[in-house]
Amino acid sequence: VREAKEMVKAFHDRGIGVIMDVVFNHTFKTIDSNLNT
């Protein structure tokens, strides 16, 4: 958590925004995923 924030801050300190790639279309697991369980 701390190191992910360090990365974001390093970009922000240089005036660069950070866009995050998100995958809400599927999960890796299906039947045994935490969501389906």
PDB file of all heavy atoms in Angstrom:
ATOM      1  N   VAL A   1       0.836  -1.202   0.000  1.00  0.00           N
ATOM      2  CA  VAL A   1       0.000   0.000   0.000  1.00  0.00           C
ATOM      3  C   VAL A   1       0.870   1.251   0.000  1.00  0.00           C
ATOM      4  O   VAL A   1       0.687   2.166  -0.817  1.00  0.00           O
ATOM      5  CB  VAL A   1      -0.951   0.000   1.209  1.00  0.00           C
ATOM      6  CG1 VAL A   1      -1.777   1.276   1.251  1.00  0.00           C
ATOM      7  CG2 VAL A   1      -1.851  -1.228   1.177  1.00  0.00           C
ATOM      8  N   ARG A   2       1.841   1.265   0.907  1.00  0.00           N
ATOM      9  CA  ARG A   2       2.724   2.429   1.011  1.00  0.00           C
ATOM     10  C   ARG A   2       3.514   2.638  -0.271  1.00  0.00           C
ATOM     11  O   ARG A   2       3.655   3.768  -0.756  1.00  0.00           O
ATOM     12  CB  ARG A   2       3.680   2.246   2.192  1.00  0.00           C
ATOM     13  CG  ARG A   2       4.595   3.449   2.448  1.00  0.00           C
ATOM     14  CD  ARG A   2       5.526   3.199   3.624  1.00  0.00           C
ATOM     15  NE  ARG A   2       4.789   2.964   4.860  1.00  0.00           N
ATOM     16  CZ  ARG A   2       4.721   1.785   5.482  1.00  0.00           C
ATOM     17  NH1 ARG A   2       5.342   0.734   4.963  1.00  0.00           N
ATOM     18  NH2 ARG A   2       4.042   1.660   6.610  1.00  0.00           N
ATOM     19  N   GLU A   3       4.007   1.565  -0.860  1.00  0.00           N
ATOM     20  CA  GLU A   3       4.860   1.700  -2.039  1.00  0.00           C
ATOM     21  C   GLU A   3       4.065   2.074  -3.287  1.00  0.00           C
ATOM     22  O   GLU A   3       4.567   2.795  -4.158  1.00  0.00           O
ATOM     23  CB  GLU A   3       5.664   0.419  -2.231  1.00  0.00           C
ATOM     24  CG  GLU A   3       6.685   0.219  -1.116  1.00  0.00           C
ATOM     25  CD  GLU A   3       7.430  -1.105  -1.187  1.00  0.00           C
ATOM     26  OE1 GLU A   3       7.237  -1.861  -2.169  1.00  0.00           O
ATOM     27  OE2 GLU A   3       8.206  -1.395  -0.252  1.00  0.00           O
ATOM     28  N   ALA A   4       2.811   1.606  -3.370  1.00  0.00           N
ATOM     29  CA  ALA A   4       1.957   2.050  -4.469  1.00  0.00           C
ATOM     30  C   ALA A   4       1.719   3.559  -4.375  1.00  0.00           C
ATOM     31  O   ALA A   4       1.721   4.277  -5.391  1.00  0.00           O
ATOM     32  CB  ALA A   4       0.634   1.294  -4.463  1.00  0.00           C
ATOM     33  N   LYS A   5       1.537   4.051  -3.168  1.00  0.00           N
ATOM     34  CA  LYS A   5       1.354   5.490  -2.970  1.00  0.00           C
ATOM     35  C   LYS A   5       2.642   6.255  -3.297  1.00  0.00           C
ATOM     36  O   LYS A   5       2.587   7.373  -3.833  1.00  0.00           O
ATOM     37  CB  LYS A   5       0.910   5.775  -1.536  1.00  0.00           C
ATOM     38  CG  LYS A   5      -0.498   5.297  -1.224  1.00  0.00           C
ATOM     39  CD  LYS A   5      -0.858   5.563   0.237  1.00  0.00           C
ATOM     40  CE  LYS A   5      -2.294   5.140   0.544  1.00  0.00           C
ATOM     41  NZ  LYS A   5      -2.669   5.371   1.964  1.00  0.00           N
ATOM     42  N   GLU A   6       3.792   5.662  -2.961  1.00  0.00           N
ATOM     43  CA  GLU A   6       5.071   6.293  -3.313  1.00  0.00           C
ATOM     44  C   GLU A   6       5.174   6.478  -4.825  1.00  0.00           C
ATOM     45  O   GLU A   6       5.636   7.518  -5.306  1.00  0.00           O
ATOM     46  CB  GLU A   6       6.236   5.420  -2.824  1.00  0.00           C
ATOM     47  CG  GLU A   6       6.429   5.387  -1.321  1.00  0.00           C
ATOM     48  CD  GLU A   6       7.335   6.485  -0.812  1.00  0.00           C
ATOM     49  OE1 GLU A   6       7.569   7.466  -1.550  1.00  0.00           O
ATOM     50  OE2 GLU A   6       7.798   6.356   0.331  1.00  0.00           O
ATOM     51  N   MET A   7       4.750   5.461  -5.557  1.00  0.00           N
ATOM     52  CA  MET A   7       4.792   5.550  -7.014  1.00  0.00           C
ATOM     53  C   MET A   7       3.892   6.680  -7.518  1.00  0.00           C
ATOM     54  O   MET A   7       4.302   7.503  -8.352  1.00  0.00           O
ATOM     55  CB  MET A   7       4.352   4.227  -7.638  1.00  0.00           C
ATOM     56  CG  MET A   7       4.319   4.230  -9.157  1.00  0.00           C
ATOM     57  SD  MET A   7       3.472   2.788  -9.851  1.00  0.00           S
ATOM     58  CE  MET A   7       1.751   3.187  -9.451  1.00  0.00           C
ATOM     59  N   VAL A   8       2.653   6.713  -7.030  1.00  0.00           N
ATOM     60  CA  VAL A   8       1.717   7.758  -7.457  1.00  0.00           C
ATOM     61  C   VAL A   8       2.279   9.137  -7.119  1.00  0.00           C
ATOM     62  O   VAL A   8       2.252  10.067  -7.943  1.00  0.00           O
ATOM     63  CB  VAL A   8       0.337   7.551  -6.802  1.00  0.00           C
ATOM     64  CG1 VAL A   8      -0.587   8.730  -7.114  1.00  0.00           C
ATOM     65  CG2 VAL A   8      -0.297   6.248  -7.272  1.00  0.00           C
ATOM     66  N   LYS A   9       2.831   9.265  -5.909  1.00  0.00           N
ATOM     67  CA  LYS A   9       3.369  10.558  -5.484  1.00  0.00           C
ATOM     68  C   LYS A   9       4.540  10.994  -6.361  1.00  0.00           C
ATOM     69  O   LYS A   9       4.678  12.187  -6.691  1.00  0.00           O
ATOM     70  CB  LYS A   9       3.819  10.501  -4.031  1.00  0.00           C
ATOM     71  CG  LYS A   9       4.267  11.842  -3.464  1.00  0.00           C
ATOM     72  CD  LYS A   9       4.590  11.759  -1.987  1.00  0.00           C
ATOM     73  CE  LYS A   9       4.926  13.137  -1.420  1.00  0.00           C
ATOM     74  NZ  LYS A   9       6.159  13.711  -2.031  1.00  0.00           N
ATOM     75  N   ALA A  10       5.376  10.049  -6.771  1.00  0.00           N
ATOM     76  CA  ALA A  10       6.517  10.393  -7.621  1.00  0.00           C
ATOM     77  C   ALA A  10       6.043  11.010  -8.936  1.00  0.00           C
ATOM     78  O   ALA A  10       6.624  11.986  -9.427  1.00  0.00           O
ATOM     79  CB  ALA A  10       7.367   9.156  -7.883  1.00  0.00           C
ATOM     80  N   PHE A  11       4.983  10.445  -9.513  1.00  0.00           N
ATOM     81  CA  PHE A  11       4.420  11.025 -10.730  1.00  0.00           C
ATOM     82  C   PHE A  11       3.778  12.374 -10.453  1.00  0.00           C
ATOM     83  O   PHE A  11       3.983  13.347 -11.195  1.00  0.00           O
ATOM     84  CB  PHE A  11       3.408  10.068 -11.361  1.00  0.00           C
ATOM     85  CG  PHE A  11       4.031   8.899 -12.063  1.00  0.00           C
ATOM     86  CD1 PHE A  11       3.812   7.603 -11.642  1.00  0.00           C
ATOM     87  CD2 PHE A  11       4.848   9.101 -13.165  1.00  0.00           C
ATOM     88  CE1 PHE A  11       4.386   6.523 -12.292  1.00  0.00           C
ATOM     89  CE2 PHE A  11       5.428   8.029 -13.836  1.00  0.00           C
ATOM     90  CZ  PHE A  11       5.199   6.733 -13.391  1.00  0.00           C
ATOM     91  N   HIS A  12       2.991  12.445  -9.390  1.00  0.00           N
ATOM     92  CA  HIS A  12       2.317  13.701  -9.058  1.00  0.00           C
ATOM     93  C   HIS A  12       3.315  14.819  -8.794  1.00  0.00           C
ATOM     94  O   HIS A  12       3.083  15.976  -9.177  1.00  0.00           O
ATOM     95  CB  HIS A  12       1.412  13.500  -7.845  1.00  0.00           C
ATOM     96  CG  HIS A  12       0.131  12.802  -8.172  1.00  0.00           C
ATOM     97  ND1 HIS A  12      -0.871  12.609  -7.248  1.00  0.00           N
ATOM     98  CD2 HIS A  12      -0.317  12.251  -9.326  1.00  0.00           C
ATOM     99  CE1 HIS A  12      -1.880  11.963  -7.820  1.00  0.00           C
ATOM    100  NE2 HIS A  12      -1.560  11.741  -9.081  1.00  0.00           N
ATOM    101  N   ASP A  13       4.428  14.496  -8.128  1.00  0.00           N
ATOM    102  CA  ASP A  13       5.441  15.514  -7.842  1.00  0.00           C
ATOM    103  C   ASP A  13       6.015  16.107  -9.121  1.00  0.00           C
ATOM    104  O   ASP A  13       6.570  17.210  -9.096  1.00  0.00           O
ATOM    105  CB  ASP A  13       6.572  14.912  -7.009  1.00  0.00           C
ATOM    106  CG  ASP A  13       6.177  14.674  -5.552  1.00  0.00           C
ATOM    107  OD1 ASP A  13       5.097  15.156  -5.140  1.00  0.00           O
ATOM    108  OD2 ASP A  13       6.932  13.981  -4.840  1.00  0.00           O
ATOM    109  N   ARG A  14       5.888  15.383 -10.225  1.00  0.00           N
ATOM    110  CA  ARG A  14       6.392  15.856 -11.517  1.00  0.00           C
ATOM    111  C   ARG A  14       5.268  16.345 -12.422  1.00  0.00           C
ATOM    112  O   ARG A  14       5.470  16.536 -13.628  1.00  0.00           O
ATOM    113  CB  ARG A  14       7.190  14.730 -12.178  1.00  0.00           C
ATOM    114  CG  ARG A  14       8.524  14.495 -11.476  1.00  0.00           C
ATOM    115  CD  ARG A  14       9.066  13.104 -11.691  1.00  0.00           C
ATOM    116  NE  ARG A  14      10.324  12.947 -10.969  1.00  0.00           N
ATOM    117  CZ  ARG A  14      10.414  12.693  -9.651  1.00  0.00           C
ATOM    118  NH1 ARG A  14       9.302  12.551  -8.918  1.00  0.00           N
ATOM    119  NH2 ARG A  14      11.581  12.581  -9.062  1.00  0.00           N
ATOM    120  N   GLY A  15       4.080  16.514 -11.830  1.00  0.00           N
ATOM    121  CA  GLY A  15       2.954  17.046 -12.585  1.00  0.00           C
ATOM    122  C   GLY A  15       2.330  16.066 -13.547  1.00  0.00           C
ATOM    123  O   GLY A  15       1.649  16.467 -14.498  1.00  0.00           O
ATOM    124  N   ILE A  16       2.520  14.762 -13.308  1.00  0.00           N
ATOM    125  CA  ILE A  16       2.003  13.721 -14.183  1.00  0.00           C
ATOM    126  C   ILE A  16       0.875  12.976 -13.485  1.00  0.00           C
ATOM    127  O   ILE A  16       1.029  12.533 -12.333  1.00  0.00           O
ATOM    128  CB  ILE A  16       3.127  12.730 -14.579  1.00  0.00           C
ATOM    129  CG1 ILE A  16       4.244  13.470 -15.324  1.00  0.00           C
ATOM    130  CG2 ILE A  16       2.579  11.584 -15.422  1.00  0.00           C
ATOM    131  CD1 ILE A  16       5.507  12.649 -15.504  1.00  0.00           C
ATOM    132  N   GLY A  17      -0.266  12.831 -14.144  1.00  0.00           N
ATOM    133  CA  GLY A  17      -1.393  12.094 -13.578  1.00  0.00           C
ATOM    134  C   GLY A  17      -1.215  10.594 -13.755  1.00  0.00           C
ATOM    135  O   GLY A  17      -0.472  10.132 -14.627  1.00  0.00           O
ATOM    136  N   VAL A  18      -1.927   9.826 -12.924  1.00  0.00           N
ATOM    137  CA  VAL A  18      -1.855   8.367 -12.978  1.00  0.00           C
ATOM    138  C   VAL A  18      -3.240   7.799 -13.272  1.00  0.00           C
ATOM    139  O   VAL A  18      -4.198   8.056 -12.529  1.00  0.00           O
ATOM    140  CB  VAL A  18      -1.321   7.776 -11.659  1.00  0.00           C
ATOM    141  CG1 VAL A  18      -1.278   6.246 -11.735  1.00  0.00           C
ATOM    142  CG2 VAL A  18       0.069   8.326 -11.351  1.00  0.00           C
ATOM    143  N   ILE A  19      -3.342   7.057 -14.360  1.00  0.00           N
ATOM    144  CA  ILE A  19      -4.582   6.387 -14.753  1.00  0.00           C
ATOM    145  C   ILE A  19      -4.423   4.907 -14.480  1.00  0.00           C
ATOM    146  O   ILE A  19      -3.404   4.307 -14.814  1.00  0.00           O
ATOM    147  CB  ILE A  19      -4.881   6.636 -16.246  1.00  0.00           C
ATOM    148  CG1 ILE A  19      -5.103   8.134 -16.495  1.00  0.00           C
ATOM    149  CG2 ILE A  19      -6.094   5.830 -16.702  1.00  0.00           C
ATOM    150  CD1 ILE A  19      -5.147   8.506 -17.973  1.00  0.00           C
ATOM    151  N   MET A  20      -5.423   4.310 -13.883  1.00  0.00           N
ATOM    152  CA  MET A  20      -5.358   2.913 -13.457  1.00  0.00           C
ATOM    153  C   MET A  20      -6.196   2.045 -14.383  1.00  0.00           C
ATOM    154  O   MET A  20      -7.354   2.346 -14.674  1.00  0.00           O
ATOM    155  CB  MET A  20      -5.873   2.814 -12.016  1.00  0.00           C
ATOM    156  CG  MET A  20      -5.814   1.459 -11.399  1.00  0.00           C
ATOM    157  SD  MET A  20      -6.324   1.576  -9.659  1.00  0.00           S
ATOM    158  CE  MET A  20      -6.534  -0.154  -9.274  1.00  0.00           C
ATOM    159  N   ASP A  21      -5.600   0.973 -14.866  1.00  0.00           N
ATOM    160  CA  ASP A  21      -6.298   0.001 -15.706  1.00  0.00           C
ATOM    161  C   ASP A  21      -7.108  -0.918 -14.786  1.00  0.00           C
ATOM    162  O   ASP A  21      -6.554  -1.554 -13.890  1.00  0.00           O
ATOM    163  CB  ASP A  21      -5.259  -0.814 -16.481  1.00  0.00           C
ATOM    164  CG  ASP A  21      -5.838  -1.520 -17.691  1.00  0.00           C
ATOM    165  OD1 ASP A  21      -7.039  -1.820 -17.678  1.00  0.00           O
ATOM    166  OD2 ASP A  21      -5.081  -1.791 -18.638  1.00  0.00           O
ATOM    167  N   VAL A  22      -8.432  -0.985 -15.002  1.00  0.00           N
ATOM    168  CA  VAL A  22      -9.294  -1.790 -14.125  1.00  0.00           C
ATOM    169  C   VAL A  22     -10.034  -2.854 -14.939  1.00  0.00           C
ATOM    170  O   VAL A  22     -10.401  -2.627 -16.097  1.00  0.00           O
ATOM    171  CB  VAL A  22     -10.291  -0.914 -13.342  1.00  0.00           C
ATOM    172  CG1 VAL A  22      -9.575  -0.081 -12.288  1.00  0.00           C
ATOM    173  CG2 VAL A  22     -11.094  -0.014 -14.263  1.00  0.00           C
ATOM    174  N   VAL A  23     -10.235  -3.993 -14.300  1.00  0.00           N
ATOM    175  CA  VAL A  23     -10.835  -5.150 -14.980  1.00  0.00           C
ATOM    176  C   VAL A  23     -12.052  -5.600 -14.184  1.00  0.00           C
ATOM    177  O   VAL A  23     -11.975  -6.488 -13.335  1.00  0.00           O
ATOM    178  CB  VAL A  23      -9.818  -6.296 -15.126  1.00  0.00           C
ATOM    179  CG1 VAL A  23     -10.406  -7.442 -15.941  1.00  0.00           C
ATOM    180  CG2 VAL A  23      -8.541  -5.794 -15.774  1.00  0.00           C
ATOM    181  N   PHE A  24     -13.173  -4.961 -14.457  1.00  0.00           N
ATOM    182  CA  PHE A  24     -14.433  -5.322 -13.788  1.00  0.00           C
ATOM    183  C   PHE A  24     -15.317  -6.173 -14.697  1.00  0.00           C
ATOM    184  O   PHE A  24     -16.490  -6.362 -14.397  1.00  0.00           O
ATOM    185  CB  PHE A  24     -15.187  -4.059 -13.379  1.00  0.00           C
ATOM    186  CG  PHE A  24     -14.508  -3.261 -12.297  1.00  0.00           C
ATOM    187  CD1 PHE A  24     -14.022  -1.991 -12.545  1.00  0.00           C
ATOM    188  CD2 PHE A  24     -14.343  -3.788 -11.026  1.00  0.00           C
ATOM    189  CE1 PHE A  24     -13.400  -1.253 -11.555  1.00  0.00           C
ATOM    190  CE2 PHE A  24     -13.719  -3.056 -10.017  1.00  0.00           C
ATOM    191  CZ  PHE A  24     -13.242  -1.788 -10.285  1.00  0.00           C
ATOM    192  N   ASN A  25     -14.768  -6.655 -15.796  1.00  0.00           N
ATOM    193  CA  ASN A  25     -15.596  -7.453 -16.696  1.00  0.00           C
ATOM    194  C   ASN A  25     -15.605  -8.930 -16.318  1.00  0.00           C
ATOM    195  O   ASN A  25     -16.507  -9.656 -16.693  1.00  0.00           O
ATOM    196  CB  ASN A  25     -15.141  -7.265 -18.143  1.00  0.00           C
ATOM    197  CG  ASN A  25     -13.705  -7.702 -18.369  1.00  0.00           C
ATOM    198  OD1 ASN A  25     -13.412  -8.884 -18.469  1.00  0.00           O
ATOM    199  ND2 ASN A  25     -12.797  -6.746 -18.454  1.00  0.00           N
ATOM    200  N   HIS A  26     -14.581  -9.412 -15.582  1.00  0.00           N
ATOM    201  CA  HIS A  26     -14.545 -10.816 -15.187  1.00  0.00           C
ATOM    202  C   HIS A  26     -13.641 -10.980 -13.972  1.00  0.00           C
ATOM    203  O   HIS A  26     -12.898 -10.058 -13.596  1.00  0.00           O
ATOM    204  CB  HIS A  26     -14.032 -11.701 -16.329  1.00  0.00           C
ATOM    205  CG  HIS A  26     -12.533 -11.651 -16.504  1.00  0.00           C
ATOM    206  ND1 HIS A  26     -11.901 -10.597 -17.123  1.00  0.00           N
ATOM    207  CD2 HIS A  26     -11.563 -12.519 -16.127  1.00  0.00           C
ATOM    208  CE1 HIS A  26     -10.588 -10.822 -17.127  1.00  0.00           C
ATOM    209  NE2 HIS A  26     -10.363 -11.977 -16.535  1.00  0.00           N
ATOM    210  N   THR A  27     -13.679 -12.147 -13.359  1.00  0.00           N
ATOM    211  CA  THR A  27     -12.729 -12.517 -12.317  1.00  0.00           C
ATOM    212  C   THR A  27     -11.906 -13.705 -12.804  1.00  0.00           C
ATOM    213  O   THR A  27     -12.347 -14.480 -13.665  1.00  0.00           O
ATOM    214  CB  THR A  27     -13.441 -12.891 -11.009  1.00  0.00           C
ATOM    215  OG1 THR A  27     -14.439 -13.889 -11.280  1.00  0.00           O
ATOM    216  CG2 THR A  27     -14.119 -11.673 -10.396  1.00  0.00           C
ATOM    217  N   PHE A  28     -10.703 -13.859 -12.266  1.00  0.00           N
ATOM    218  CA  PHE A  28      -9.859 -14.976 -12.677  1.00  0.00           C
ATOM    219  C   PHE A  28     -10.502 -16.304 -12.295  1.00  0.00           C
ATOM    220  O   PHE A  28     -10.589 -17.227 -13.098  1.00  0.00           O
ATOM    221  CB  PHE A  28      -8.479 -14.853 -12.027  1.00  0.00           C
ATOM    222  CG  PHE A  28      -7.562 -15.996 -12.372  1.00  0.00           C
ATOM    223  CD1 PHE A  28      -7.031 -16.114 -13.642  1.00  0.00           C
ATOM    224  CD2 PHE A  28      -7.227 -16.960 -11.426  1.00  0.00           C
ATOM    225  CE1 PHE A  28      -6.188 -17.173 -13.971  1.00  0.00           C
ATOM    226  CE2 PHE A  28      -6.398 -18.012 -11.744  1.00  0.00           C
ATOM    227  CZ  PHE A  28      -5.869 -18.122 -13.018  1.00  0.00           C
ATOM    228  N   LYS A  29     -10.975 -16.376 -11.050  1.00  0.00           N
ATOM    229  CA  LYS A  29     -11.683 -17.573 -10.590  1.00  0.00           C
ATOM    230  C   LYS A  29     -13.173 -17.388 -10.857  1.00  0.00           C
ATOM    231  O   LYS A  29     -13.665 -16.267 -10.959  1.00  0.00           O
ATOM    232  CB  LYS A  29     -11.455 -17.795  -9.099  1.00  0.00           C
ATOM    233  CG  LYS A  29     -10.006 -17.969  -8.688  1.00  0.00           C
ATOM    234  CD  LYS A  29      -9.887 -18.026  -7.168  1.00  0.00           C
ATOM    235  CE  LYS A  29      -8.462 -18.092  -6.701  1.00  0.00           C
ATOM    236  NZ  LYS A  29      -8.356 -18.046  -5.215  1.00  0.00           N
ATOM    237  N   THR A  30     -13.896 -18.494 -10.912  1.00  0.00           N
ATOM    238  CA  THR A  30     -15.339 -18.405 -11.122  1.00  0.00           C
ATOM    239  C   THR A  30     -16.076 -19.104  -9.986  1.00  0.00           C
ATOM    240  O   THR A  30     -16.436 -18.469  -9.004  1.00  0.00           O
ATOM    241  CB  THR A  30     -15.736 -18.996 -12.489  1.00  0.00           C
ATOM    242  OG1 THR A  30     -15.063 -18.274 -13.520  1.00  0.00           O
ATOM    243  CG2 THR A  30     -17.228 -18.837 -12.734  1.00  0.00           C
ATOM    244  N   ILE A  31     -16.259 -20.405 -10.074  1.00  0.00           N
ATOM    245  CA  ILE A  31     -17.001 -21.140  -9.040  1.00  0.00           C
ATOM    246  C   ILE A  31     -16.365 -20.961  -7.671  1.00  0.00           C
ATOM    247  O   ILE A  31     -17.055 -20.767  -6.667  1.00  0.00           O
ATOM    248  CB  ILE A  31     -17.087 -22.638  -9.404  1.00  0.00           C
ATOM    249  CG1 ILE A  31     -17.957 -22.825 -10.651  1.00  0.00           C
ATOM    250  CG2 ILE A  31     -17.663 -23.444  -8.242  1.00  0.00           C
ATOM    251  CD1 ILE A  31     -18.007 -24.249 -11.149  1.00  0.00           C
ATOM    252  N   ASP A  32     -15.028 -20.998  -7.608  1.00  0.00           N
ATOM    253  CA  ASP A  32     -14.348 -20.932  -6.319  1.00  0.00           C
ATOM    254  C   ASP A  32     -13.850 -19.531  -5.980  1.00  0.00           C
ATOM    255  O   ASP A  32     -13.038 -19.360  -5.073  1.00  0.00           O
ATOM    256  CB  ASP A  32     -13.180 -21.921  -6.289  1.00  0.00           C
ATOM    257  CG  ASP A  32     -12.148 -21.639  -7.373  1.00  0.00           C
ATOM    258  OD1 ASP A  32     -12.480 -20.918  -8.341  1.00  0.00           O
ATOM    259  OD2 ASP A  32     -11.012 -22.141  -7.263  1.00  0.00           O
ATOM    260  N   SER A  33     -14.327 -18.511  -6.695  1.00  0.00           N
ATOM    261  CA  SER A  33     -13.925 -17.146  -6.353  1.00  0.00           C
ATOM    262  C   SER A  33     -14.555 -16.732  -5.036  1.00  0.00           C
ATOM    263  O   SER A  33     -15.575 -17.288  -4.605  1.00  0.00           O
ATOM    264  CB  SER A  33     -14.358 -16.179  -7.457  1.00  0.00           C
ATOM    265  OG  SER A  33     -15.772 -16.063  -7.504  1.00  0.00           O
ATOM    266  N   ASN A  34     -13.957 -15.732  -4.383  1.00  0.00           N
ATOM    267  CA  ASN A  34     -14.552 -15.239  -3.136  1.00  0.00           C
ATOM    268  C   ASN A  34     -15.959 -14.705  -3.383  1.00  0.00           C
ATOM    269  O   ASN A  34     -16.873 -14.919  -2.568  1.00  0.00           O
ATOM    270  CB  ASN A  34     -13.658 -14.200  -2.458  1.00  0.00           C
ATOM    271  CG  ASN A  34     -13.253 -13.044  -3.355  1.00  0.00           C
ATOM    272  OD1 ASN A  34     -13.767 -12.863  -4.461  1.00  0.00           O
ATOM    273  ND2 ASN A  34     -12.320 -12.235  -2.870  1.00  0.00           N
ATOM    274  N   LEU A  35     -16.174 -14.053  -4.523  1.00  0.00           N
ATOM    275  CA  LEU A  35     -17.490 -13.493  -4.822  1.00  0.00           C
ATOM    276  C   LEU A  35     -18.541 -14.580  -4.986  1.00  0.00           C
ATOM    277  O   LEU A  35     -19.630 -14.509  -4.391  1.00  0.00           O
ATOM    278  CB  LEU A  35     -17.419 -12.643  -6.092  1.00  0.00           C
ATOM    279  CG  LEU A  35     -16.545 -11.382  -6.026  1.00  0.00           C
ATOM    280  CD1 LEU A  35     -16.463 -10.728  -7.401  1.00  0.00           C
ATOM    281  CD2 LEU A  35     -17.072 -10.399  -4.994  1.00  0.00           C
ATOM    282  N   ASN A  36     -18.250 -15.577  -5.780  1.00  0.00           N
ATOM    283  CA  ASN A  36     -19.236 -16.624  -6.035  1.00  0.00           C
ATOM    284  C   ASN A  36     -19.441 -17.530  -4.826  1.00  0.00           C
ATOM    285  O   ASN A  36     -20.533 -18.053  -4.607  1.00  0.00           O
ATOM    286  CB  ASN A  36     -18.835 -17.467  -7.247  1.00  0.00           C
ATOM    287  CG  ASN A  36     -19.953 -18.388  -7.693  1.00  0.00           C
ATOM    288  OD1 ASN A  36     -21.002 -17.936  -8.133  1.00  0.00           O
ATOM    289  ND2 ASN A  36     -19.751 -19.693  -7.562  1.00  0.00           N
ATOM    290  N   THR A  37     -18.416 -17.709  -4.016  1.00  0.00           N
ATOM    291  CA  THR A  37     -18.554 -18.522  -2.808  1.00  0.00           C
ATOM    292  C   THR A  37     -19.450 -17.815  -1.801  1.00  0.00           C
ATOM    293  O   THR A  37     -20.294 -18.449  -1.146  1.00  0.00           O
ATOM    294  CB  THR A  37     -17.173 -18.806  -2.184  1.00  0.00           C
ATOM    295  OG1 THR A  37     -16.351 -19.468  -3.152  1.00  0.00           O
ATOM    296  CG2 THR A  37     -17.304 -19.684  -0.946  1.00  0.00           C
TER     297      THR A  37
END
